[in-house]
Amino acid sequence: MKSLFSMLFLLLNFTSFSRNITIDSNISGFNLSSYKVYVFKGTTYQGIYGTFDSSGILNLDVPDGENRYRVDFAGQHYIEPTSSSNIQIDFLHEVTINASQNKDLLFNKRVY
């Protein structure tokens, strides 16, 4: 009986429990379909990631405990500051510039 208990205890020590989560990226009609989400514990990447489907939904099996999530969007890394907060992503907006004089000044120039 004692050896069975010891084996069960060892098995529990090496078993990682997980839970399934759903992340919905739909924000004001825009979703992050095809973008990846990476799972962290603190600052350590857990080797777990998933990709948003065409509806902007992602289902992941993550380890129990506090996890943080990172999304890479438009060349930037967006990560939760804490495990219970939201990821804030600064979306790019289309800007129209009208030049009233010397329109050639803006030809082939970057606008930031």
Protein backbone atom coordinates (compact mmCIF):
# COMPACT_ATOMS: atom_id res chain seq x y z
CA MET A 1 0.00 0.00 0.00
CA LYS A 2 2.80 2.41 0.87
CA SER A 3 4.55 1.82 -2.48
CA LEU A 4 1.30 2.41 -4.39
CA PHE A 5 0.85 5.73 -2.56
CA SER A 6 4.48 6.70 -3.29
CA MET A 7 4.06 5.91 -7.00
CA LEU A 8 0.84 7.93 -7.15
CA PHE A 9 2.55 10.86 -5.40
CA LEU A 10 5.47 10.74 -7.86
CA LEU A 11 3.08 10.55 -10.79
CA LEU A 12 1.19 13.60 -9.54
CA ASN A 13 4.44 15.52 -9.12
CA PHE A 14 5.38 14.97 -12.76
CA THR A 15 1.89 15.42 -14.21
CA SER A 16 1.05 18.90 -15.41
CA PHE A 17 -2.60 19.76 -15.14
CA SER A 18 -4.08 22.05 -17.74
CA ARG A 19 -7.28 23.81 -18.63
CA ASN A 20 -8.81 24.86 -21.93
CA ILE A 21 -9.27 28.57 -22.55
CA THR A 22 -10.93 30.55 -25.33
CA ILE A 23 -9.58 33.92 -26.45
CA ASP A 24 -11.83 36.13 -28.58
CA SER A 25 -10.00 38.80 -30.56
CA ASN A 26 -13.03 40.51 -32.09
CA ILE A 27 -12.67 44.21 -31.42
CA SER A 28 -15.06 46.66 -33.07
CA GLY A 29 -15.57 44.43 -36.10
CA PHE A 30 -11.86 43.66 -36.53
CA ASN A 31 -10.37 40.34 -35.52
CA LEU A 32 -6.86 38.91 -35.41
CA SER A 33 -7.50 35.89 -37.65
CA SER A 34 -4.25 34.10 -38.54
CA TYR A 35 -2.27 35.86 -35.79
CA LYS A 36 -0.54 33.80 -33.10
CA VAL A 37 -0.83 33.94 -29.30
CA TYR A 38 2.09 32.74 -27.15
CA VAL A 39 1.74 31.53 -23.53
CA PHE A 40 4.12 32.69 -20.77
CA LYS A 41 4.51 32.04 -17.05
CA GLY A 42 6.01 35.26 -15.76
CA THR A 43 8.65 36.07 -18.38
CA THR A 44 9.26 32.44 -19.43
CA TYR A 45 7.78 31.20 -22.71
CA GLN A 46 5.98 27.89 -22.12
CA GLY A 47 6.39 26.50 -25.65
CA ILE A 48 2.63 26.78 -26.17
CA TYR A 49 1.02 28.86 -28.88
CA GLY A 50 -2.07 28.92 -31.05
CA THR A 51 -3.44 30.77 -34.06
CA PHE A 52 -6.71 32.70 -34.22
CA ASP A 53 -9.19 31.11 -36.65
CA SER A 54 -11.04 33.05 -39.37
CA SER A 55 -13.62 34.17 -36.77
CA GLY A 56 -10.92 35.59 -34.47
CA ILE A 57 -11.36 32.80 -31.90
CA LEU A 58 -8.55 30.74 -30.35
CA ASN A 59 -8.83 27.68 -28.09
CA LEU A 60 -5.74 26.64 -26.13
CA ASP A 61 -4.83 24.08 -23.50
CA VAL A 62 -2.70 25.99 -20.99
CA PRO A 63 -1.04 24.97 -17.71
CA ASP A 64 -2.96 25.63 -14.51
CA GLY A 65 -1.90 28.72 -12.63
CA GLU A 66 -1.27 32.27 -13.77
CA ASN A 67 -0.38 32.60 -17.43
CA ARG A 68 0.34 35.63 -19.56
CA TYR A 69 -0.34 35.88 -23.28
CA ARG A 70 1.52 37.65 -26.08
CA VAL A 71 0.22 38.61 -29.52
CA ASP A 72 2.54 39.73 -32.31
CA PHE A 73 0.82 42.33 -34.48
CA ALA A 74 2.26 44.71 -37.09
CA GLY A 75 5.83 43.92 -36.06
CA GLN A 76 5.22 44.62 -32.36
CA HIS A 77 4.95 42.31 -29.34
CA TYR A 78 1.85 42.95 -27.21
CA ILE A 79 1.84 41.15 -23.87
CA GLU A 80 -0.36 41.31 -20.81
CA PRO A 81 1.34 43.31 -18.04
CA THR A 82 -0.19 40.88 -15.50
CA SER A 83 -1.99 37.57 -15.81
CA SER A 84 -5.42 39.11 -15.21
CA SER A 85 -5.32 42.12 -17.53
CA ASN A 86 -6.20 42.65 -21.17
CA ILE A 87 -3.72 42.95 -24.02
CA GLN A 88 -3.85 46.45 -25.46
CA ILE A 89 -3.10 46.63 -29.19
CA ASP A 90 -2.64 49.93 -31.00
CA PHE A 91 -4.33 49.39 -34.35
CA LEU A 92 -3.10 51.18 -37.42
CA HIS A 93 -5.53 53.61 -38.99
CA GLU A 94 -5.69 54.77 -42.59
CA VAL A 95 -4.87 58.45 -42.86
CA THR A 96 -5.70 60.71 -45.81
CA ILE A 97 -3.49 63.74 -46.32
CA ASN A 98 -4.56 66.59 -48.56
CA ALA A 99 -1.85 68.99 -49.68
CA SER A 100 -3.00 72.40 -50.83
CA GLN A 101 0.33 73.67 -52.15
CA ASN A 102 3.20 71.95 -53.94
CA LYS A 103 1.72 68.45 -53.93
CA ASP A 104 5.07 67.00 -55.07
CA LEU A 105 6.45 67.47 -51.54
CA LEU A 106 4.48 64.43 -50.36
CA PHE A 107 5.13 62.25 -53.39
CA ASN A 108 6.78 58.96 -52.40
CA LYS A 109 7.42 60.09 -48.80
CA ARG A 110 6.72 58.15 -45.62
CA VAL A 111 4.20 59.56 -43.21
CA TYR A 112 4.42 58.58 -39.51
